[in-house]
Amino acid sequence: MSFITTPIVQVESVTPSLAYVPAQLVGGRVTTYQRKGASVFRWSLYGQSAVRVLNLIIPYLKYKDAQAKIVVHAGKYPSNSAMRQSQVDRLSHLRKLRY
């Protein structure tokens, strides 16, 4: 979810409905690709739509809530500001953690 220019939410699954149902409910797009012989379905949502969805689901997130909060709040800072870069750096660090 790097978002120096725009917030992005992505969910990947080998179960098609875990990508297609959110797309039907809130929009976005679904793409597929092959990984280790299996089809992987990726739902992606961009921009303010991503921020709106994150605001709705943050209370239900267990492991990714810190990342979601950064995405929601970092958009308040200009894209070339030190504060935005600080948020992007924090997000990059969190994305490397394994849950």
Protein backbone atom coordinates (compact mmCIF):
# COMPACT_ATOMS: atom_id res chain seq x y z
CA MET A 1 0.00 0.00 0.00
CA SER A 2 2.57 2.57 -0.97
CA PHE A 3 0.74 5.80 -1.54
CA ILE A 4 2.95 8.77 -2.16
CA THR A 5 0.37 9.77 -4.77
CA THR A 6 -2.75 7.72 -4.00
CA PRO A 7 -3.98 5.27 -1.35
CA ILE A 8 -4.40 1.67 -2.49
CA VAL A 9 -6.13 -1.25 -0.79
CA GLN A 10 -5.52 -4.73 -2.16
CA VAL A 11 -6.73 -8.15 -1.08
CA GLU A 12 -5.37 -11.33 -2.66
CA SER A 13 -6.89 -14.78 -2.37
CA VAL A 14 -7.14 -18.07 -4.23
CA THR A 15 -10.86 -17.99 -3.38
CA PRO A 16 -12.59 -15.95 -6.09
CA SER A 17 -15.45 -14.72 -3.89
CA LEU A 18 -13.00 -13.01 -1.51
CA ALA A 19 -12.11 -10.69 -4.38
CA TYR A 20 -15.35 -10.45 -6.32
CA VAL A 21 -17.75 -9.83 -3.42
CA PRO A 22 -15.94 -6.70 -2.14
CA ALA A 23 -15.73 -5.45 -5.72
CA GLN A 24 -19.49 -5.83 -6.09
CA LEU A 25 -20.17 -4.18 -2.73
CA VAL A 26 -17.85 -1.16 -2.85
CA GLY A 27 -16.27 -1.07 -6.30
CA GLY A 28 -12.71 -1.45 -7.41
CA ARG A 29 -11.38 -4.02 -9.80
CA VAL A 30 -10.39 -7.67 -9.76
CA THR A 31 -7.38 -9.02 -11.61
CA THR A 32 -5.98 -12.53 -11.68
CA TYR A 33 -2.53 -14.01 -12.04
CA GLN A 34 -0.86 -17.38 -11.62
CA ARG A 35 1.30 -18.23 -8.59
CA LYS A 36 2.68 -21.72 -8.09
CA GLY A 37 0.11 -23.16 -10.46
CA ALA A 38 -2.88 -21.56 -8.74
CA SER A 39 -5.02 -18.66 -9.84
CA VAL A 40 -4.76 -15.72 -7.46
CA PHE A 41 -7.53 -13.14 -7.43
CA ARG A 42 -6.60 -9.58 -6.45
CA TRP A 43 -9.20 -6.97 -5.53
CA SER A 44 -7.86 -3.40 -5.72
CA LEU A 45 -9.43 -0.14 -4.65
CA TYR A 46 -7.81 3.26 -5.13
CA GLY A 47 -7.96 6.85 -3.92
CA GLN A 48 -10.70 8.25 -1.72
CA SER A 49 -12.74 5.08 -2.24
CA ALA A 50 -9.94 3.16 -0.51
CA VAL A 51 -9.87 5.66 2.34
CA ARG A 52 -13.66 5.43 2.82
CA VAL A 53 -13.54 1.63 2.98
CA LEU A 54 -10.60 1.67 5.40
CA ASN A 55 -12.48 4.05 7.70
CA LEU A 56 -15.37 1.57 7.76
CA ILE A 57 -13.30 -1.55 8.45
CA ILE A 58 -10.59 -0.26 10.82
CA PRO A 59 -12.62 -1.26 13.91
CA TYR A 60 -12.68 -4.85 12.65
CA LEU A 61 -9.03 -5.20 11.66
CA LYS A 62 -6.81 -7.19 13.98
CA TYR A 63 -3.37 -7.26 12.35
CA LYS A 64 -3.48 -4.57 9.69
CA ASP A 65 -5.14 -1.77 11.67
CA ALA A 66 -1.89 0.21 12.11
CA GLN A 67 -1.29 0.16 8.35
CA ALA A 68 -4.87 1.19 7.62
CA LYS A 69 -4.66 4.11 10.06
CA ILE A 70 -1.48 5.36 8.40
CA VAL A 71 -3.13 5.28 4.98
CA VAL A 72 -6.18 7.15 6.27
CA HIS A 73 -4.20 9.87 8.05
CA ALA A 74 -1.20 10.33 5.74
CA GLY A 75 -3.40 11.76 3.01
CA LYS A 76 -3.84 14.85 5.15
CA TYR A 77 -0.24 15.88 4.47
CA PRO A 78 1.08 17.27 1.16
CA SER A 79 2.63 14.55 -1.01
CA ASN A 80 6.09 16.15 -0.97
CA SER A 81 6.14 16.90 2.78
CA ALA A 82 8.46 15.37 5.36
CA MET A 83 5.44 14.25 7.38
CA ARG A 84 3.99 12.31 4.44
CA GLN A 85 7.38 10.69 3.81
CA SER A 86 7.55 9.77 7.50
CA GLN A 87 4.17 8.04 7.22
CA VAL A 88 5.26 6.19 4.06
CA ASP A 89 8.42 5.03 5.85
CA ARG A 90 6.37 3.76 8.80
CA LEU A 91 4.04 1.95 6.43
CA SER A 92 6.97 0.32 4.59
CA HIS A 93 8.34 -0.93 7.90
CA LEU A 94 4.98 -2.38 8.97
CA ARG A 95 4.51 -4.14 5.63
CA LYS A 96 7.70 -6.14 6.25
CA LEU A 97 6.32 -7.63 9.47
CA ARG A 98 4.95 -11.17 9.33
CA TYR A 99 1.77 -11.93 11.24
